[in-house]
Structure formats: structure tokens, C-alpha cells
Amino acid sequence: MVIETEIVCHQYVKMRENKNHVYTLTDNDGSILSSPSVIQSHAVEYFKQLLASGNSGPPLSTEQISTIHQVVQRTFSMEEVEYMCRPITAQEVKEVLFSLGHNKAPGPDGFNVEVFKLT
């Protein structure tokens, strides 16, 4: 019975690992990226450009805006937007960090939350 439980547990872990892993990514040129390091650097660059202040990318089409409105059911007041755009304080970061549970899964750097709580 113990061996069967271990097998099921192992299968579940592998299934989650496969589900949470990006094996390939298609870039803007249609090229398929499969190397983990290339996928990582492409994703980082994509989000840097996407989130850069003063992003002067092409404007969204009416269809894209309509799709966004279908997915995002809530809009924010100017007061809420200003609050979310304000600088984050060190105290806020500390409060969130210490509110996290113990022995949570490690982040992309391999460290779990205890490491950061100790520093």
C-alpha cells in the first residue's frame, strides 16, 4: 500500500510539473523557442517592453479593447488608480513578507520565504 501511495504521489508531482512548465514559446516572428534560457530571456524582454513607462507600442484596436472589457469586469476610480501607482513602502513589503506561511514553495530563485524573513 505504501509503494502504491508513493507511485500516485510521484505521478501527481510529475503531472503538476508538466502543467506548470513552458516547453516552447512562439515569438513575434513566428519562431518557436524551446531552450529554457532563450524562453526565459525572451519572456523577460517581452514584459520589460510591455511594462516600460511611456510604452509607445501600437494602440489597441477596438476589438482588443472589447475583449479586455469582457474579461475585466471591474474598472477603477482615479483614487484607486493613484493608490495602486504610489510607491510601495518598506513597511508594506515587510508586512506582506511576514504574513506568508512557513515552508511555502520556493520562488524562481530557489529560496523559500524563510530565507527572506531571516534577512
PDB file of N, CA and C in Angstrom:
ATOM      1  N   MET A   1       0.817  -1.192   0.000  1.00  0.00           N
ATOM      2  CA  MET A   1       0.000   0.000   0.000  1.00  0.00           C
ATOM      3  C   MET A   1       0.867   1.265   0.000  1.00  0.00           C
ATOM      4  N   VAL A   2       1.960   1.243   0.758  1.00  0.00           N
ATOM      5  CA  VAL A   2       2.845   2.407   0.830  1.00  0.00           C
ATOM      6  C   VAL A   2       3.468   2.682  -0.530  1.00  0.00           C
ATOM      7  N   ILE A   3       3.878   1.630  -1.232  1.00  0.00           N
ATOM      8  CA  ILE A   3       4.504   1.797  -2.546  1.00  0.00           C
ATOM      9  C   ILE A   3       3.500   2.393  -3.528  1.00  0.00           C
ATOM     10  N   GLU A   4       2.230   1.931  -3.490  1.00  0.00           N
ATOM     11  CA  GLU A   4       1.206   2.482  -4.375  1.00  0.00           C
ATOM     12  C   GLU A   4       0.987   3.965  -4.097  1.00  0.00           C
ATOM     13  N   THR A   5       0.985   4.333  -2.842  1.00  0.00           N
ATOM     14  CA  THR A   5       0.813   5.737  -2.465  1.00  0.00           C
ATOM     15  C   THR A   5       1.968   6.568  -2.992  1.00  0.00           C
ATOM     16  N   GLU A   6       3.190   6.045  -2.885  1.00  0.00           N
ATOM     17  CA  GLU A   6       4.356   6.766  -3.391  1.00  0.00           C
ATOM     18  C   GLU A   6       4.276   6.938  -4.904  1.00  0.00           C
ATOM     19  N   ILE A   7       3.814   5.908  -5.594  1.00  0.00           N
ATOM     20  CA  ILE A   7       3.694   5.981  -7.056  1.00  0.00           C
ATOM     21  C   ILE A   7       2.667   7.041  -7.449  1.00  0.00           C
ATOM     22  N   VAL A   8       1.522   7.028  -6.788  1.00  0.00           N
ATOM     23  CA  VAL A   8       0.483   8.017  -7.085  1.00  0.00           C
ATOM     24  C   VAL A   8       0.986   9.424  -6.784  1.00  0.00           C
ATOM     25  N   CYS A   9       1.673   9.569  -5.670  1.00  0.00           N
ATOM     26  CA  CYS A   9       2.216  10.873  -5.293  1.00  0.00           C
ATOM     27  C   CYS A   9       3.225  11.344  -6.346  1.00  0.00           C
ATOM     28  N   HIS A  10       4.101  10.466  -6.779  1.00  0.00           N
ATOM     29  CA  HIS A  10       5.105  10.797  -7.785  1.00  0.00           C
ATOM     30  C   HIS A  10       4.426  11.195  -9.102  1.00  0.00           C
ATOM     31  N   GLN A  11       3.393  10.458  -9.496  1.00  0.00           N
ATOM     32  CA  GLN A  11       2.671  10.778 -10.729  1.00  0.00           C
ATOM     33  C   GLN A  11       2.013  12.150 -10.634  1.00  0.00           C
ATOM     34  N   TYR A  12       1.458  12.463  -9.472  1.00  0.00           N
ATOM     35  CA  TYR A  12       0.816  13.755  -9.276  1.00  0.00           C
ATOM     36  C   TYR A  12       1.841  14.894  -9.382  1.00  0.00           C
ATOM     37  N   VAL A  13       2.992  14.705  -8.762  1.00  0.00           N
ATOM     38  CA  VAL A  13       4.043  15.725  -8.812  1.00  0.00           C
ATOM     39  C   VAL A  13       4.503  15.936 -10.252  1.00  0.00           C
ATOM     40  N   LYS A  14       4.701  14.867 -10.994  1.00  0.00           N
ATOM     41  CA  LYS A  14       5.127  14.972 -12.399  1.00  0.00           C
ATOM     42  C   LYS A  14       4.062  15.673 -13.238  1.00  0.00           C
ATOM     43  N   MET A  15       2.789  15.356 -12.966  1.00  0.00           N
ATOM     44  CA  MET A  15       1.695  15.967 -13.707  1.00  0.00           C
ATOM     45  C   MET A  15       1.678  17.481 -13.464  1.00  0.00           C
ATOM     46  N   ARG A  16       1.833  17.897 -12.202  1.00  0.00           N
ATOM     47  CA  ARG A  16       1.863  19.333 -11.893  1.00  0.00           C
ATOM     48  C   ARG A  16       3.075  19.997 -12.519  1.00  0.00           C
ATOM     49  N   GLU A  17       4.203  19.311 -12.475  1.00  0.00           N
ATOM     50  CA  GLU A  17       5.426  19.859 -13.058  1.00  0.00           C
ATOM     51  C   GLU A  17       5.243  20.092 -14.554  1.00  0.00           C
ATOM     52  N   ASN A  18       4.645  19.115 -15.246  1.00  0.00           N
ATOM     53  CA  ASN A  18       4.405  19.254 -16.681  1.00  0.00           C
ATOM     54  C   ASN A  18       3.417  20.372 -16.978  1.00  0.00           C
ATOM     55  N   LYS A  19       2.402  20.499 -16.143  1.00  0.00           N
ATOM     56  CA  LYS A  19       1.384  21.524 -16.342  1.00  0.00           C
ATOM     57  C   LYS A  19       1.959  22.922 -16.123  1.00  0.00           C
ATOM     58  N   ASN A  20       2.888  23.073 -15.208  1.00  0.00           N
ATOM     59  CA  ASN A  20       3.431  24.379 -14.847  1.00  0.00           C
ATOM     60  C   ASN A  20       4.733  24.716 -15.571  1.00  0.00           C
ATOM     61  N   HIS A  21       5.063  23.987 -16.597  1.00  0.00           N
ATOM     62  CA  HIS A  21       6.333  24.186 -17.301  1.00  0.00           C
ATOM     63  C   HIS A  21       6.061  24.688 -18.717  1.00  0.00           C
ATOM     64  N   VAL A  22       6.829  25.661 -19.148  1.00  0.00           N
ATOM     65  CA  VAL A  22       6.723  26.157 -20.516  1.00  0.00           C
ATOM     66  C   VAL A  22       7.786  25.429 -21.340  1.00  0.00           C
ATOM     67  N   TYR A  23       7.338  24.586 -22.256  1.00  0.00           N
ATOM     68  CA  TYR A  23       8.271  23.806 -23.067  1.00  0.00           C
ATOM     69  C   TYR A  23       8.673  24.548 -24.337  1.00  0.00           C
ATOM     70  N   THR A  24       7.729  25.295 -24.923  1.00  0.00           N
ATOM     71  CA  THR A  24       8.042  26.085 -26.111  1.00  0.00           C
ATOM     72  C   THR A  24       7.283  27.406 -26.033  1.00  0.00           C
ATOM     73  N   LEU A  25       7.788  28.360 -26.806  1.00  0.00           N
ATOM     74  CA  LEU A  25       7.169  29.679 -26.870  1.00  0.00           C
ATOM     75  C   LEU A  25       7.365  30.178 -28.292  1.00  0.00           C
ATOM     76  N   THR A  26       6.338  30.793 -28.845  1.00  0.00           N
ATOM     77  CA  THR A  26       6.440  31.349 -30.189  1.00  0.00           C
ATOM     78  C   THR A  26       6.637  32.852 -30.076  1.00  0.00           C
ATOM     79  N   ASP A  27       7.714  33.371 -30.704  1.00  0.00           N
ATOM     80  CA  ASP A  27       7.979  34.803 -30.624  1.00  0.00           C
ATOM     81  C   ASP A  27       7.183  35.563 -31.688  1.00  0.00           C
ATOM     82  N   ASN A  28       7.362  36.874 -31.743  1.00  0.00           N
ATOM     83  CA  ASN A  28       6.602  37.720 -32.668  1.00  0.00           C
ATOM     84  C   ASN A  28       6.862  37.390 -34.130  1.00  0.00           C
ATOM     85  N   ASP A  29       8.020  36.826 -34.431  1.00  0.00           N
ATOM     86  CA  ASP A  29       8.365  36.483 -35.807  1.00  0.00           C
ATOM     87  C   ASP A  29       7.837  35.107 -36.201  1.00  0.00           C
ATOM     88  N   GLY A  30       7.219  34.392 -35.260  1.00  0.00           N
ATOM     89  CA  GLY A  30       6.709  33.054 -35.537  1.00  0.00           C
ATOM     90  C   GLY A  30       7.719  31.961 -35.267  1.00  0.00           C
ATOM     91  N   SER A  31       8.902  32.338 -34.794  1.00  0.00           N
ATOM     92  CA  SER A  31       9.922  31.343 -34.467  1.00  0.00           C
ATOM     93  C   SER A  31       9.543  30.634 -33.168  1.00  0.00           C
ATOM     94  N   ILE A  32       9.771  29.326 -33.130  1.00  0.00           N
ATOM     95  CA  ILE A  32       9.474  28.555 -31.931  1.00  0.00           C
ATOM     96  C   ILE A  32      10.732  28.459 -31.090  1.00  0.00           C
ATOM     97  N   LEU A  33      10.629  28.916 -29.848  1.00  0.00           N
ATOM     98  CA  LEU A  33      11.753  28.890 -28.915  1.00  0.00           C
ATOM     99  C   LEU A  33      11.573  27.679 -28.003  1.00  0.00           C
ATOM    100  N   SER A  34      12.634  26.886 -27.820  1.00  0.00           N
ATOM    101  CA  SER A  34      12.498  25.702 -26.971  1.00  0.00           C
ATOM    102  C   SER A  34      13.563  25.600 -25.888  1.00  0.00           C
ATOM    103  N   SER A  35      14.622  26.365 -26.001  1.00  0.00           N
ATOM    104  CA  SER A  35      15.666  26.350 -24.981  1.00  0.00           C
ATOM    105  C   SER A  35      15.175  27.111 -23.750  1.00  0.00           C
ATOM    106  N   PRO A  36      15.259  26.510 -22.555  1.00  0.00           N
ATOM    107  CA  PRO A  36      14.787  27.200 -21.349  1.00  0.00           C
ATOM    108  C   PRO A  36      15.418  28.579 -21.158  1.00  0.00           C
ATOM    109  N   SER A  37      16.709  28.712 -21.425  1.00  0.00           N
ATOM    110  CA  SER A  37      17.357  30.014 -21.228  1.00  0.00           C
ATOM    111  C   SER A  37      16.867  31.033 -22.252  1.00  0.00           C
ATOM    112  N   VAL A  38      16.606  30.601 -23.484  1.00  0.00           N
ATOM    113  CA  VAL A  38      16.107  31.511 -24.521  1.00  0.00           C
ATOM    114  C   VAL A  38      14.666  31.920 -24.198  1.00  0.00           C
ATOM    115  N   ILE A  39      13.847  30.966 -23.752  1.00  0.00           N
ATOM    116  CA  ILE A  39      12.466  31.268 -23.359  1.00  0.00           C
ATOM    117  C   ILE A  39      12.471  32.281 -22.218  1.00  0.00           C
ATOM    118  N   GLN A  40      13.328  32.056 -21.236  1.00  0.00           N
ATOM    119  CA  GLN A  40      13.391  32.954 -20.083  1.00  0.00           C
ATOM    120  C   GLN A  40      13.785  34.363 -20.507  1.00  0.00           C
ATOM    121  N   SER A  41      14.837  34.488 -21.301  1.00  0.00           N
ATOM    122  CA  SER A  41      15.285  35.830 -21.690  1.00  0.00           C
ATOM    123  C   SER A  41      14.252  36.509 -22.582  1.00  0.00           C
ATOM    124  N   HIS A  42      13.586  35.746 -23.444  1.00  0.00           N
ATOM    125  CA  HIS A  42      12.542  36.328 -24.302  1.00  0.00           C
ATOM    126  C   HIS A  42      11.372  36.834 -23.454  1.00  0.00           C
ATOM    127  N   ALA A  43      10.957  36.051 -22.474  1.00  0.00           N
ATOM    128  CA  ALA A  43       9.850  36.450 -21.603  1.00  0.00           C
ATOM    129  C   ALA A  43      10.216  37.706 -20.812  1.00  0.00           C
ATOM    130  N   VAL A  44      11.428  37.755 -20.286  1.00  0.00           N
ATOM    131  CA  VAL A  44      11.869  38.924 -19.523  1.00  0.00           C
ATOM    132  C   VAL A  44      11.840  40.167 -20.403  1.00  0.00           C
ATOM    133  N   GLU A  45      12.391  40.069 -21.605  1.00  0.00           N
ATOM    134  CA  GLU A  45      12.414  41.215 -22.513  1.00  0.00           C
ATOM    135  C   GLU A  45      11.000  41.633 -22.914  1.00  0.00           C
ATOM    136  N   TYR A  46      10.127  40.660 -23.162  1.00  0.00           N
ATOM    137  CA  TYR A  46       8.747  40.955 -23.541  1.00  0.00           C
ATOM    138  C   TYR A  46       8.062  41.777 -22.455  1.00  0.00           C
ATOM    139  N   PHE A  47       8.181  41.331 -21.199  1.00  0.00           N
ATOM    140  CA  PHE A  47       7.496  42.035 -20.118  1.00  0.00           C
ATOM    141  C   PHE A  47       8.183  43.356 -19.769  1.00  0.00           C
ATOM    142  N   LYS A  48       9.490  43.447 -19.979  1.00  0.00           N
ATOM    143  CA  LYS A  48      10.161  44.736 -19.783  1.00  0.00           C
ATOM    144  C   LYS A  48       9.584  45.768 -20.739  1.00  0.00           C
ATOM    145  N   GLN A  49       9.434  45.370 -22.010  1.00  0.00           N
ATOM    146  CA  GLN A  49       8.888  46.287 -23.006  1.00  0.00           C
ATOM    147  C   GLN A  49       7.420  46.578 -22.730  1.00  0.00           C
ATOM    148  N   LEU A  50       6.679  45.570 -22.346  1.00  0.00           N
ATOM    149  CA  LEU A  50       5.258  45.735 -22.092  1.00  0.00           C
ATOM    150  C   LEU A  50       5.002  46.672 -20.917  1.00  0.00           C
ATOM    151  N   LEU A  51       5.812  46.537 -19.877  1.00  0.00           N
ATOM    152  CA  LEU A  51       5.581  47.299 -18.655  1.00  0.00           C
ATOM    153  C   LEU A  51       6.401  48.582 -18.563  1.00  0.00           C
ATOM    154  N   ALA A  52       7.195  48.861 -19.590  1.00  0.00           N
ATOM    155  CA  ALA A  52       8.037  50.059 -19.563  1.00  0.00           C
ATOM    156  C   ALA A  52       7.165  51.304 -19.515  1.00  0.00           C
ATOM    157  N   SER A  53       7.601  52.270 -18.713  1.00  0.00           N
ATOM    158  CA  SER A  53       6.845  53.519 -18.659  1.00  0.00           C
ATOM    159  C   SER A  53       6.991  54.219 -19.995  1.00  0.00           C
ATOM    160  N   GLY A  54       5.924  54.838 -20.423  1.00  0.00           N
ATOM    161  CA  GLY A  54       5.955  55.529 -21.704  1.00  0.00           C
ATOM    162  C   GLY A  54       5.943  54.570 -22.872  1.00  0.00           C
ATOM    163  N   ASN A  55       5.389  53.382 -22.670  1.00  0.00           N
ATOM    164  CA  ASN A  55       5.326  52.388 -23.736  1.00  0.00           C
ATOM    165  C   ASN A  55       4.616  53.004 -24.934  1.00  0.00           C
ATOM    166  N   SER A  56       5.296  53.066 -26.052  1.00  0.00           N
ATOM    167  CA  SER A  56       4.724  53.686 -27.242  1.00  0.00           C
ATOM    168  C   SER A  56       4.380  52.649 -28.288  1.00  0.00           C
ATOM    169  N   GLY A  57       3.949  51.485 -27.824  1.00  0.00           N
ATOM    170  CA  GLY A  57       3.559  50.428 -28.746  1.00  0.00           C
ATOM    171  C   GLY A  57       2.320  50.828 -29.520  1.00  0.00           C
ATOM    172  N   PRO A  58       1.926  49.982 -30.449  1.00  0.00           N
ATOM    173  CA  PRO A  58       0.748  50.319 -31.251  1.00  0.00           C
ATOM    174  C   PRO A  58      -0.492  50.393 -30.361  1.00  0.00           C
ATOM    175  N   PRO A  59      -1.402  51.307 -30.669  1.00  0.00           N
ATOM    176  CA  PRO A  59      -2.608  51.420 -29.854  1.00  0.00           C
ATOM    177  C   PRO A  59      -3.463  50.160 -29.988  1.00  0.00           C
ATOM    178  N   LEU A  60      -4.258  49.910 -28.978  1.00  0.00           N
ATOM    179  CA  LEU A  60      -5.134  48.746 -29.007  1.00  0.00           C
ATOM    180  C   LEU A  60      -6.276  48.983 -29.981  1.00  0.00           C
ATOM    181  N   SER A  61      -6.664  47.910 -30.657  1.00  0.00           N
ATOM    182  CA  SER A  61      -7.800  48.008 -31.578  1.00  0.00           C
ATOM    183  C   SER A  61      -9.099  47.970 -30.777  1.00  0.00           C
ATOM    184  N   THR A  62     -10.186  48.345 -31.415  1.00  0.00           N
ATOM    185  CA  THR A  62     -11.496  48.308 -30.769  1.00  0.00           C
ATOM    186  C   THR A  62     -11.826  46.883 -30.333  1.00  0.00           C
ATOM    187  N   GLU A  63     -11.456  45.918 -31.162  1.00  0.00           N
ATOM    188  CA  GLU A  63     -11.708  44.510 -30.831  1.00  0.00           C
ATOM    189  C   GLU A  63     -10.912  44.090 -29.590  1.00  0.00           C
ATOM    190  N   GLN A  64      -9.652  44.508 -29.505  1.00  0.00           N
ATOM    191  CA  GLN A  64      -8.833  44.183 -28.334  1.00  0.00           C
ATOM    192  C   GLN A  64      -9.412  44.817 -27.072  1.00  0.00           C
ATOM    193  N   ILE A  65      -9.840  46.059 -27.183  1.00  0.00           N
ATOM    194  CA  ILE A  65     -10.427  46.747 -26.030  1.00  0.00           C
ATOM    195  C   ILE A  65     -11.713  46.046 -25.606  1.00  0.00           C
ATOM    196  N   SER A  66     -12.528  45.643 -26.564  1.00  0.00           N
ATOM    197  CA  SER A  66     -13.765  44.921 -26.261  1.00  0.00           C
ATOM    198  C   SER A  66     -13.475  43.609 -25.544  1.00  0.00           C
ATOM    199  N   THR A  67     -12.449  42.888 -26.001  1.00  0.00           N
ATOM    200  CA  THR A  67     -12.061  41.625 -25.359  1.00  0.00           C
ATOM    201  C   THR A  67     -11.609  41.872 -23.923  1.00  0.00           C
ATOM    202  N   ILE A  68     -10.840  42.917 -23.726  1.00  0.00           N
ATOM    203  CA  ILE A  68     -10.380  43.256 -22.371  1.00  0.00           C
ATOM    204  C   ILE A  68     -11.569  43.553 -21.474  1.00  0.00           C
ATOM    205  N   HIS A  69     -12.541  44.312 -21.980  1.00  0.00           N
ATOM    206  CA  HIS A  69     -13.722  44.642 -21.175  1.00  0.00           C
ATOM    207  C   HIS A  69     -14.547  43.401 -20.829  1.00  0.00           C
ATOM    208  N   GLN A  70     -14.537  42.398 -21.709  1.00  0.00           N
ATOM    209  CA  GLN A  70     -15.260  41.157 -21.420  1.00  0.00           C
ATOM    210  C   GLN A  70     -14.581  40.385 -20.296  1.00  0.00           C
ATOM    211  N   VAL A  71     -13.264  40.422 -20.267  1.00  0.00           N
ATOM    212  CA  VAL A  71     -12.507  39.673 -19.266  1.00  0.00           C
ATOM    213  C   VAL A  71     -12.449  40.436 -17.944  1.00  0.00           C
ATOM    214  N   VAL A  72     -12.190  41.729 -18.015  1.00  0.00           N
ATOM    215  CA  VAL A  72     -12.057  42.550 -16.818  1.00  0.00           C
ATOM    216  C   VAL A  72     -13.431  43.161 -16.523  1.00  0.00           C
ATOM    217  N   GLN A  73     -14.046  42.664 -15.481  1.00  0.00           N
ATOM    218  CA  GLN A  73     -15.403  43.090 -15.157  1.00  0.00           C
ATOM    219  C   GLN A  73     -15.456  44.369 -14.318  1.00  0.00           C
ATOM    220  N   ARG A  74     -14.332  44.809 -13.811  1.00  0.00           N
ATOM    221  CA  ARG A  74     -14.324  45.938 -12.884  1.00  0.00           C
ATOM    222  C   ARG A  74     -13.405  47.029 -13.398  1.00  0.00           C
ATOM    223  N   THR A  75     -13.836  48.267 -13.250  1.00  0.00           N
ATOM    224  CA  THR A  75     -12.963  49.399 -13.554  1.00  0.00           C
ATOM    225  C   THR A  75     -12.625  50.099 -12.242  1.00  0.00           C
ATOM    226  N   PHE A  76     -11.563  50.855 -12.237  1.00  0.00           N
ATOM    227  CA  PHE A  76     -11.083  51.509 -11.030  1.00  0.00           C
ATOM    228  C   PHE A  76     -11.333  53.009 -11.088  1.00  0.00           C
ATOM    229  N   SER A  77     -11.607  53.567  -9.922  1.00  0.00           N
ATOM    230  CA  SER A  77     -11.747  55.022  -9.827  1.00  0.00           C
ATOM    231  C   SER A  77     -10.350  55.638  -9.897  1.00  0.00           C
ATOM    232  N   MET A  78     -10.284  56.943 -10.149  1.00  0.00           N
ATOM    233  CA  MET A  78      -8.980  57.627 -10.187  1.00  0.00           C
ATOM    234  C   MET A  78      -8.276  57.524  -8.841  1.00  0.00           C
ATOM    235  N   GLU A  79      -9.041  57.560  -7.757  1.00  0.00           N
ATOM    236  CA  GLU A  79      -8.452  57.432  -6.420  1.00  0.00           C
ATOM    237  C   GLU A  79      -7.783  56.065  -6.254  1.00  0.00           C
ATOM    238  N   GLU A  80      -8.445  55.016  -6.735  1.00  0.00           N
ATOM    239  CA  GLU A  80      -7.872  53.669  -6.651  1.00  0.00           C
ATOM    240  C   GLU A  80      -6.634  53.545  -7.521  1.00  0.00           C
ATOM    241  N   VAL A  81      -6.674  54.132  -8.701  1.00  0.00           N
ATOM    242  CA  VAL A  81      -5.523  54.083  -9.608  1.00  0.00           C
ATOM    243  C   VAL A  81      -4.334  54.798  -8.976  1.00  0.00           C
ATOM    244  N   GLU A  82      -4.569  55.973  -8.405  1.00  0.00           N
ATOM    245  CA  GLU A  82      -3.489  56.716  -7.756  1.00  0.00           C
ATOM    246  C   GLU A  82      -2.904  55.921  -6.589  1.00  0.00           C
ATOM    247  N   TYR A  83      -3.765  55.259  -5.825  1.00  0.00           N
ATOM    248  CA  TYR A  83      -3.299  54.446  -4.698  1.00  0.00           C
ATOM    249  C   TYR A  83      -2.415  53.296  -5.189  1.00  0.00           C
ATOM    250  N   MET A  84      -2.832  52.623  -6.270  1.00  0.00           N
ATOM    251  CA  MET A  84      -2.059  51.490  -6.786  1.00  0.00           C
ATOM    252  C   MET A  84      -0.752  51.922  -7.442  1.00  0.00           C
ATOM    253  N   CYS A  85      -0.684  53.159  -7.901  1.00  0.00           N
ATOM    254  CA  CYS A  85       0.522  53.643  -8.578  1.00  0.00           C
ATOM    255  C   CYS A  85       1.510  54.316  -7.637  1.00  0.00           C
ATOM    256  N   ARG A  86       1.142  54.475  -6.381  1.00  0.00           N
ATOM    257  CA  ARG A  86       2.034  55.135  -5.431  1.00  0.00           C
ATOM    258  C   ARG A  86       3.221  54.222  -5.117  1.00  0.00           C
ATOM    259  N   PRO A  87       4.315  54.786  -4.648  1.00  0.00           N
ATOM    260  CA  PRO A  87       5.470  53.950  -4.279  1.00  0.00           C
ATOM    261  C   PRO A  87       5.118  53.000  -3.132  1.00  0.00           C
ATOM    262  N   ILE A  88       5.658  51.810  -3.187  1.00  0.00           N
ATOM    263  CA  ILE A  88       5.446  50.813  -2.139  1.00  0.00           C
ATOM    264  C   ILE A  88       6.474  51.064  -1.045  1.00  0.00           C
ATOM    265  N   THR A  89       6.023  51.055   0.190  1.00  0.00           N
ATOM    266  CA  THR A  89       6.927  51.337   1.303  1.00  0.00           C
ATOM    267  C   THR A  89       7.601  50.057   1.790  1.00  0.00           C
ATOM    268  N   ALA A  90       8.723  50.222   2.447  1.00  0.00           N
ATOM    269  CA  ALA A  90       9.442  49.081   3.031  1.00  0.00           C
ATOM    270  C   ALA A  90       8.574  48.393   4.077  1.00  0.00           C
ATOM    271  N   GLN A  91       7.790  49.159   4.812  1.00  0.00           N
ATOM    272  CA  GLN A  91       6.910  48.591   5.836  1.00  0.00           C
ATOM    273  C   GLN A  91       5.860  47.677   5.204  1.00  0.00           C
ATOM    274  N   GLU A  92       5.313  48.074   4.051  1.00  0.00           N
ATOM    275  CA  GLU A  92       4.319  47.235   3.361  1.00  0.00           C
ATOM    276  C   GLU A  92       4.941  45.906   2.921  1.00  0.00           C
ATOM    277  N   VAL A  93       6.142  45.982   2.380  1.00  0.00           N
ATOM    278  CA  VAL A  93       6.835  44.771   1.943  1.00  0.00           C
ATOM    279  C   VAL A  93       7.070  43.853   3.136  1.00  0.00           C
ATOM    280  N   LYS A  94       7.508  44.420   4.251  1.00  0.00           N
ATOM    281  CA  LYS A  94       7.763  43.632   5.458  1.00  0.00           C
ATOM    282  C   LYS A  94       6.482  42.963   5.949  1.00  0.00           C
ATOM    283  N   GLU A  95       5.380  43.701   5.982  1.00  0.00           N
ATOM    284  CA  GLU A  95       4.113  43.149   6.450  1.00  0.00           C
ATOM    285  C   GLU A  95       3.652  41.985   5.581  1.00  0.00           C
ATOM    286  N   VAL A  96       3.758  42.134   4.274  1.00  0.00           N
ATOM    287  CA  VAL A  96       3.346  41.061   3.369  1.00  0.00           C
ATOM    288  C   VAL A  96       4.265  39.854   3.531  1.00  0.00           C
ATOM    289  N   LEU A  97       5.554  40.092   3.588  1.00  0.00           N
ATOM    290  CA  LEU A  97       6.522  39.009   3.730  1.00  0.00           C
ATOM    291  C   LEU A  97       6.258  38.191   4.984  1.00  0.00           C
ATOM    292  N   PHE A  98       6.034  38.867   6.089  1.00  0.00           N
ATOM    293  CA  PHE A  98       5.828  38.148   7.349  1.00  0.00           C
ATOM    294  C   PHE A  98       4.425  37.564   7.473  1.00  0.00           C
ATOM    295  N   SER A  99       3.521  37.920   6.568  1.00  0.00           N
ATOM    296  CA  SER A  99       2.188  37.315   6.587  1.00  0.00           C
ATOM    297  C   SER A  99       2.164  35.992   5.826  1.00  0.00           C
ATOM    298  N   LEU A 100       3.215  35.692   5.059  1.00  0.00           N
ATOM    299  CA  LEU A 100       3.274  34.449   4.288  1.00  0.00           C
ATOM    300  C   LEU A 100       3.516  33.263   5.209  1.00  0.00           C
ATOM    301  N   GLY A 101       2.922  32.123   4.860  1.00  0.00           N
ATOM    302  CA  GLY A 101       3.070  30.914   5.663  1.00  0.00           C
ATOM    303  C   GLY A 101       4.481  30.358   5.614  1.00  0.00           C
ATOM    304  N   HIS A 102       4.785  29.504   6.574  1.00  0.00           N
ATOM    305  CA  HIS A 102       6.111  28.883   6.654  1.00  0.00           C
ATOM    306  C   HIS A 102       6.236  27.744   5.640  1.00  0.00           C
ATOM    307  N   ASN A 103       7.480  27.505   5.197  1.00  0.00           N
ATOM    308  CA  ASN A 103       7.807  26.413   4.278  1.00  0.00           C
ATOM    309  C   ASN A 103       6.978  26.415   3.010  1.00  0.00           C
ATOM    310  N   LYS A 104       6.693  27.587   2.489  1.00  0.00           N
ATOM    311  CA  LYS A 104       5.994  27.675   1.218  1.00  0.00           C
ATOM    312  C   LYS A 104       6.981  27.339   0.111  1.00  0.00           C
ATOM    313  N   ALA A 105       6.441  26.994  -1.037  1.00  0.00           N
ATOM    314  CA  ALA A 105       7.270  26.574  -2.163  1.00  0.00           C
ATOM    315  C   ALA A 105       8.280  27.658  -2.519  1.00  0.00           C
ATOM    316  N   PRO A 106       9.453  27.254  -2.948  1.00  0.00           N
ATOM    317  CA  PRO A 106      10.466  28.232  -3.318  1.00  0.00           C
ATOM    318  C   PRO A 106      10.062  29.020  -4.555  1.00  0.00           C
ATOM    319  N   GLY A 107      10.584  30.215  -4.637  1.00  0.00           N
ATOM    320  CA  GLY A 107      10.347  31.042  -5.812  1.00  0.00           C
ATOM    321  C   GLY A 107      11.289  30.638  -6.928  1.00  0.00           C
ATOM    322  N   PRO A 108      11.304  31.403  -8.019  1.00  0.00           N
ATOM    323  CA  PRO A 108      12.154  31.052  -9.160  1.00  0.00           C
ATOM    324  C   PRO A 108      13.640  31.022  -8.811  1.00  0.00           C
ATOM    325  N   ASP A 109      14.019  31.709  -7.727  1.00  0.00           N
ATOM    326  CA  ASP A 109      15.421  31.708  -7.327  1.00  0.00           C
ATOM    327  C   ASP A 109      15.771  30.514  -6.446  1.00  0.00           C
ATOM    328  N   GLY A 110      14.771  29.693  -6.079  1.00  0.00           N
ATOM    329  CA  GLY A 110      15.020  28.505  -5.275  1.00  0.00           C
ATOM    330  C   GLY A 110      14.941  28.729  -3.785  1.00  0.00           C
ATOM    331  N   PHE A 111      14.756  29.963  -3.343  1.00  0.00           N
ATOM    332  CA  PHE A 111      14.681  30.245  -1.914  1.00  0.00           C
ATOM    333  C   PHE A 111      13.226  30.297  -1.470  1.00  0.00           C
ATOM    334  N   ASN A 112      12.938  29.682  -0.306  1.00  0.00           N
ATOM    335  CA  ASN A 112      11.578  29.816   0.216  1.00  0.00           C
ATOM    336  C   ASN A 112      11.508  31.054   1.098  1.00  0.00           C
ATOM    337  N   VAL A 113      10.323  31.338   1.604  1.00  0.00           N
ATOM    338  CA  VAL A 113      10.076  32.607   2.292  1.00  0.00           C
ATOM    339  C   VAL A 113      10.906  32.764   3.577  1.00  0.00           C
ATOM    340  N   GLU A 114      11.301  31.663   4.219  1.00  0.00           N
ATOM    341  CA  GLU A 114      12.069  31.772   5.456  1.00  0.00           C
ATOM    342  C   GLU A 114      13.396  32.490   5.246  1.00  0.00           C
ATOM    343  N   VAL A 115      14.013  32.260   4.106  1.00  0.00           N
ATOM    344  CA  VAL A 115      15.293  32.907   3.816  1.00  0.00           C
ATOM    345  C   VAL A 115      15.146  34.421   3.859  1.00  0.00           C
ATOM    346  N   PHE A 116      14.068  34.918   3.288  1.00  0.00           N
ATOM    347  CA  PHE A 116      13.856  36.356   3.241  1.00  0.00           C
ATOM    348  C   PHE A 116      13.413  36.917   4.588  1.00  0.00           C
ATOM    349  N   LYS A 117      12.721  36.116   5.367  1.00  0.00           N
ATOM    350  CA  LYS A 117      12.314  36.566   6.689  1.00  0.00           C
ATOM    351  C   LYS A 117      13.537  36.716   7.613  1.00  0.00           C
ATOM    352  N   LEU A 118      14.569  35.926   7.368  1.00  0.00           N
ATOM    353  CA  LEU A 118      15.763  35.975   8.206  1.00  0.00           C
ATOM    354  C   LEU A 118      16.705  37.121   7.848  1.00  0.00           C
ATOM    355  N   THR A 119      16.558  37.673   6.659  1.00  0.00           N
ATOM    356  CA  THR A 119      17.475  38.734   6.211  1.00  0.00           C
ATOM    357  C   THR A 119      16.975  40.107   6.540  1.00  0.00           C
TER     358      THR A 119
END
